[in-house]
Amino acid sequence: MNTQLIQIYICNRSQINQAVADLAHTPHVVISATDHRSSHPSIQINDNTLGLVRVKFDDVTEDDQHYKSISSKEADIIYHAYYTYRDYLPVYIINCDAGISRSAGVASALSLLEYGCDSNYEHLTPSEPHPNRTVFHSILRSAGYGTV
């Protein structure tokens, strides 16, 4: 049984390329979440980028006429990226616009799946993360955790 574990980092939109460059010699997966009306950041991948996942949803807990919450399809895409690359023991680099809420929600879910606790990740932003709980719960449902 493999006892090594993945690593998880969160960052904001302006930090993503530096984070990828810093990990150029380490297998990594990038999960990038942006607002549903914004363009995705330009991300400079390299030979050790195993996967690049781009999803669009707003930092909200439910849809309304102006904002779009994470959908089950987007949560499935994120979970699938985790599950697909997990055996490579990559570093997961997760970014959103501010690097505080959506990325922390994704990181918290992956941390719980990997470590059994929801806070085993590093944040590269100066602000303390505040995980979006809707994002967190949606990814766990995609992982088969039912109603969490």
C-alpha atoms as a PDB file:
ATOM      1  CA  MET A   1       0.000   0.000   0.000  1.00  0.00           C
ATOM      2  CA  ASN A   2       1.273   3.439  -0.933  1.00  0.00           C
ATOM      3  CA  THR A   3       1.664   5.603   2.172  1.00  0.00           C
ATOM      4  CA  GLN A   4       2.761   8.785   0.396  1.00  0.00           C
ATOM      5  CA  LEU A   5       0.216  11.546   0.090  1.00  0.00           C
ATOM      6  CA  ILE A   6      -0.457  14.390  -2.291  1.00  0.00           C
ATOM      7  CA  GLN A   7       0.243  18.048  -1.554  1.00  0.00           C
ATOM      8  CA  ILE A   8      -2.301  20.823  -2.028  1.00  0.00           C
ATOM      9  CA  TYR A   9      -1.617  24.536  -2.562  1.00  0.00           C
ATOM     10  CA  ILE A  10      -4.047  27.386  -3.147  1.00  0.00           C
ATOM     11  CA  CYS A  11      -3.239  30.689  -4.779  1.00  0.00           C
ATOM     12  CA  ASN A  12      -4.881  33.621  -6.478  1.00  0.00           C
ATOM     13  CA  ARG A  13      -5.092  34.537 -10.145  1.00  0.00           C
ATOM     14  CA  SER A  14      -1.915  36.638 -10.115  1.00  0.00           C
ATOM     15  CA  GLN A  15       0.126  33.897  -8.382  1.00  0.00           C
ATOM     16  CA  ILE A  16      -0.795  30.919 -10.559  1.00  0.00           C
ATOM     17  CA  ASN A  17       2.028  31.108 -13.095  1.00  0.00           C
ATOM     18  CA  GLN A  18       4.668  31.574 -10.408  1.00  0.00           C
ATOM     19  CA  ALA A  19       3.266  28.578  -8.516  1.00  0.00           C
ATOM     20  CA  VAL A  20       3.385  26.434 -11.662  1.00  0.00           C
ATOM     21  CA  ALA A  21       6.930  27.643 -12.451  1.00  0.00           C
ATOM     22  CA  ASP A  22       8.062  26.885  -8.890  1.00  0.00           C
ATOM     23  CA  LEU A  23       6.825  23.318  -9.365  1.00  0.00           C
ATOM     24  CA  ALA A  24       8.241  22.824 -12.861  1.00  0.00           C
ATOM     25  CA  HIS A  25      10.229  19.779 -11.665  1.00  0.00           C
ATOM     26  CA  THR A  26       7.363  18.228  -9.692  1.00  0.00           C
ATOM     27  CA  PRO A  27       4.311  16.459 -11.130  1.00  0.00           C
ATOM     28  CA  HIS A  28       1.339  18.762 -10.593  1.00  0.00           C
ATOM     29  CA  VAL A  29      -2.278  19.280 -11.527  1.00  0.00           C
ATOM     30  CA  VAL A  30      -3.772  22.750 -11.902  1.00  0.00           C
ATOM     31  CA  ILE A  31      -7.421  23.348 -11.022  1.00  0.00           C
ATOM     32  CA  SER A  32      -8.477  26.857 -11.978  1.00  0.00           C
ATOM     33  CA  ALA A  33     -11.843  28.319 -10.975  1.00  0.00           C
ATOM     34  CA  THR A  34     -12.986  31.653 -12.304  1.00  0.00           C
ATOM     35  CA  ASP A  35     -16.195  33.679 -12.267  1.00  0.00           C
ATOM     36  CA  HIS A  36     -18.739  32.521 -14.825  1.00  0.00           C
ATOM     37  CA  ARG A  37     -18.507  35.827 -16.707  1.00  0.00           C
ATOM     38  CA  SER A  38     -14.705  36.150 -16.647  1.00  0.00           C
ATOM     39  CA  SER A  39     -12.061  34.706 -18.893  1.00  0.00           C
ATOM     40  CA  HIS A  40      -9.738  32.052 -17.529  1.00  0.00           C
ATOM     41  CA  PRO A  41      -6.226  33.168 -16.616  1.00  0.00           C
ATOM     42  CA  SER A  42      -3.456  32.312 -19.035  1.00  0.00           C
ATOM     43  CA  ILE A  43      -1.587  29.459 -17.356  1.00  0.00           C
ATOM     44  CA  GLN A  44       1.871  28.473 -18.527  1.00  0.00           C
ATOM     45  CA  ILE A  45       1.969  24.692 -18.234  1.00  0.00           C
ATOM     46  CA  ASN A  46       5.172  22.642 -18.445  1.00  0.00           C
ATOM     47  CA  ASP A  47       6.278  19.026 -18.926  1.00  0.00           C
ATOM     48  CA  ASN A  48       5.307  18.121 -15.356  1.00  0.00           C
ATOM     49  CA  THR A  49       1.774  19.503 -15.640  1.00  0.00           C
ATOM     50  CA  LEU A  50      -0.256  16.298 -15.558  1.00  0.00           C
ATOM     51  CA  GLY A  51      -3.580  18.052 -16.012  1.00  0.00           C
ATOM     52  CA  LEU A  52      -5.174  21.462 -16.321  1.00  0.00           C
ATOM     53  CA  VAL A  53      -8.803  21.741 -15.235  1.00  0.00           C
ATOM     54  CA  ARG A  54     -10.759  24.935 -15.838  1.00  0.00           C
ATOM     55  CA  VAL A  55     -14.175  25.490 -14.293  1.00  0.00           C
ATOM     56  CA  LYS A  56     -16.415  28.557 -14.121  1.00  0.00           C
ATOM     57  CA  PHE A  57     -18.626  29.385 -11.172  1.00  0.00           C
ATOM     58  CA  ASP A  58     -19.025  32.326  -8.831  1.00  0.00           C
ATOM     59  CA  ASP A  59     -18.149  32.544  -5.172  1.00  0.00           C
ATOM     60  CA  VAL A  60     -21.748  32.135  -4.017  1.00  0.00           C
ATOM     61  CA  THR A  61     -23.745  29.484  -2.202  1.00  0.00           C
ATOM     62  CA  GLU A  62     -26.669  29.338  -4.656  1.00  0.00           C
ATOM     63  CA  ASP A  63     -27.629  30.541  -8.122  1.00  0.00           C
ATOM     64  CA  ASP A  64     -29.569  33.727  -8.647  1.00  0.00           C
ATOM     65  CA  GLN A  65     -30.194  35.982 -11.621  1.00  0.00           C
ATOM     66  CA  HIS A  66     -26.633  37.390 -11.530  1.00  0.00           C
ATOM     67  CA  TYR A  67     -24.442  34.620 -10.136  1.00  0.00           C
ATOM     68  CA  LYS A  68     -23.818  30.936 -10.791  1.00  0.00           C
ATOM     69  CA  SER A  69     -22.903  28.508  -8.003  1.00  0.00           C
ATOM     70  CA  ILE A  70     -20.801  25.401  -8.600  1.00  0.00           C
ATOM     71  CA  SER A  71     -22.814  22.789 -10.491  1.00  0.00           C
ATOM     72  CA  SER A  72     -22.727  19.043  -9.962  1.00  0.00           C
ATOM     73  CA  LYS A  73     -21.004  18.760 -13.357  1.00  0.00           C
ATOM     74  CA  GLU A  74     -18.219  21.123 -12.268  1.00  0.00           C
ATOM     75  CA  ALA A  75     -17.854  19.297  -8.955  1.00  0.00           C
ATOM     76  CA  ASP A  76     -17.626  16.010 -10.885  1.00  0.00           C
ATOM     77  CA  ILE A  77     -14.899  17.459 -13.122  1.00  0.00           C
ATOM     78  CA  ILE A  78     -12.865  18.546 -10.084  1.00  0.00           C
ATOM     79  CA  TYR A  79     -13.306  15.223  -8.299  1.00  0.00           C
ATOM     80  CA  HIS A  80     -12.422  13.323 -11.482  1.00  0.00           C
ATOM     81  CA  ALA A  81      -9.176  15.323 -11.792  1.00  0.00           C
ATOM     82  CA  TYR A  82      -8.295  14.455  -8.195  1.00  0.00           C
ATOM     83  CA  TYR A  83      -9.117  10.781  -8.646  1.00  0.00           C
ATOM     84  CA  THR A  84      -7.461  10.448 -12.069  1.00  0.00           C
ATOM     85  CA  TYR A  85      -4.086  11.864 -11.034  1.00  0.00           C
ATOM     86  CA  ARG A  86      -4.001  10.902  -7.364  1.00  0.00           C
ATOM     87  CA  ASP A  87      -1.778   7.826  -7.882  1.00  0.00           C
ATOM     88  CA  TYR A  88       0.948  10.038  -9.413  1.00  0.00           C
ATOM     89  CA  LEU A  89       1.256  11.807  -6.032  1.00  0.00           C
ATOM     90  CA  PRO A  90       1.131  15.223  -7.617  1.00  0.00           C
ATOM     91  CA  VAL A  91       0.942  18.628  -6.095  1.00  0.00           C
ATOM     92  CA  TYR A  92      -2.518  20.079  -6.703  1.00  0.00           C
ATOM     93  CA  ILE A  93      -2.337  23.799  -7.411  1.00  0.00           C
ATOM     94  CA  ILE A  94      -5.774  25.305  -7.042  1.00  0.00           C
ATOM     95  CA  ASN A  95      -6.477  28.889  -7.942  1.00  0.00           C
ATOM     96  CA  CYS A  96      -9.400  31.249  -8.043  1.00  0.00           C
ATOM     97  CA  ASP A  97      -9.504  34.996  -8.487  1.00  0.00           C
ATOM     98  CA  ALA A  98      -8.668  35.919  -4.876  1.00  0.00           C
ATOM     99  CA  GLY A  99      -7.269  32.591  -3.670  1.00  0.00           C
ATOM    100  CA  ILE A 100      -9.425  32.717  -0.545  1.00  0.00           C
ATOM    101  CA  SER A 101     -12.811  31.017  -0.925  1.00  0.00           C
ATOM    102  CA  ARG A 102     -13.458  28.886  -4.032  1.00  0.00           C
ATOM    103  CA  SER A 103      -9.907  27.535  -4.172  1.00  0.00           C
ATOM    104  CA  ALA A 104     -10.014  26.909  -0.423  1.00  0.00           C
ATOM    105  CA  GLY A 105     -13.322  25.059  -0.818  1.00  0.00           C
ATOM    106  CA  VAL A 106     -11.755  22.782  -3.425  1.00  0.00           C
ATOM    107  CA  ALA A 107      -8.613  22.327  -1.320  1.00  0.00           C
ATOM    108  CA  SER A 108     -10.644  21.540   1.797  1.00  0.00           C
ATOM    109  CA  ALA A 109     -12.594  18.829  -0.040  1.00  0.00           C
ATOM    110  CA  LEU A 110      -9.456  17.253  -1.526  1.00  0.00           C
ATOM    111  CA  SER A 111      -7.751  17.447   1.860  1.00  0.00           C
ATOM    112  CA  LEU A 112     -10.648  15.630   3.511  1.00  0.00           C
ATOM    113  CA  LEU A 113     -10.595  12.947   0.818  1.00  0.00           C
ATOM    114  CA  GLU A 114      -6.830  12.538   1.091  1.00  0.00           C
ATOM    115  CA  TYR A 115      -6.058  13.102   4.769  1.00  0.00           C
ATOM    116  CA  GLY A 116      -9.360  12.752   6.589  1.00  0.00           C
ATOM    117  CA  CYS A 117      -9.250  16.412   7.687  1.00  0.00           C
ATOM    118  CA  ASP A 118     -10.263  19.470   5.719  1.00  0.00           C
ATOM    119  CA  SER A 119      -7.370  21.825   6.459  1.00  0.00           C
ATOM    120  CA  ASN A 120      -4.210  20.090   5.298  1.00  0.00           C
ATOM    121  CA  TYR A 121      -3.194  22.476   2.516  1.00  0.00           C
ATOM    122  CA  GLU A 122      -0.901  25.453   2.058  1.00  0.00           C
ATOM    123  CA  HIS A 123      -2.151  28.859   1.023  1.00  0.00           C
ATOM    124  CA  LEU A 124       0.175  31.139  -0.900  1.00  0.00           C
ATOM    125  CA  THR A 125      -2.022  34.203  -0.517  1.00  0.00           C
ATOM    126  CA  PRO A 126      -1.452  36.717   2.285  1.00  0.00           C
ATOM    127  CA  SER A 127      -5.122  36.476   3.323  1.00  0.00           C
ATOM    128  CA  GLU A 128      -6.447  33.659   5.475  1.00  0.00           C
ATOM    129  CA  PRO A 129      -8.578  31.206   3.451  1.00  0.00           C
ATOM    130  CA  HIS A 130     -12.322  30.947   4.059  1.00  0.00           C
ATOM    131  CA  PRO A 131     -13.508  27.827   2.189  1.00  0.00           C
ATOM    132  CA  ASN A 132     -16.732  28.135   0.253  1.00  0.00           C
ATOM    133  CA  ARG A 133     -18.791  25.383   1.905  1.00  0.00           C
ATOM    134  CA  THR A 134     -21.037  24.885  -1.130  1.00  0.00           C
ATOM    135  CA  VAL A 135     -17.962  24.074  -3.221  1.00  0.00           C
ATOM    136  CA  PHE A 136     -16.658  21.796  -0.455  1.00  0.00           C
ATOM    137  CA  HIS A 137     -19.934  19.856  -0.105  1.00  0.00           C
ATOM    138  CA  SER A 138     -20.509  19.605  -3.864  1.00  0.00           C
ATOM    139  CA  ILE A 139     -17.123  17.936  -4.431  1.00  0.00           C
ATOM    140  CA  LEU A 140     -17.682  15.529  -1.539  1.00  0.00           C
ATOM    141  CA  ARG A 141     -21.071  14.567  -3.016  1.00  0.00           C
ATOM    142  CA  SER A 142     -19.297  13.871  -6.316  1.00  0.00           C
ATOM    143  CA  ALA A 143     -16.919  11.618  -4.377  1.00  0.00           C
ATOM    144  CA  GLY A 144     -19.892   9.619  -3.106  1.00  0.00           C
ATOM    145  CA  TYR A 145     -20.220  11.094   0.363  1.00  0.00           C
ATOM    146  CA  GLY A 146     -23.979  11.587  -0.044  1.00  0.00           C
ATOM    147  CA  THR A 147     -25.440  14.418   1.936  1.00  0.00           C
ATOM    148  CA  VAL A 148     -22.523  16.038   3.751  1.00  0.00           C
END
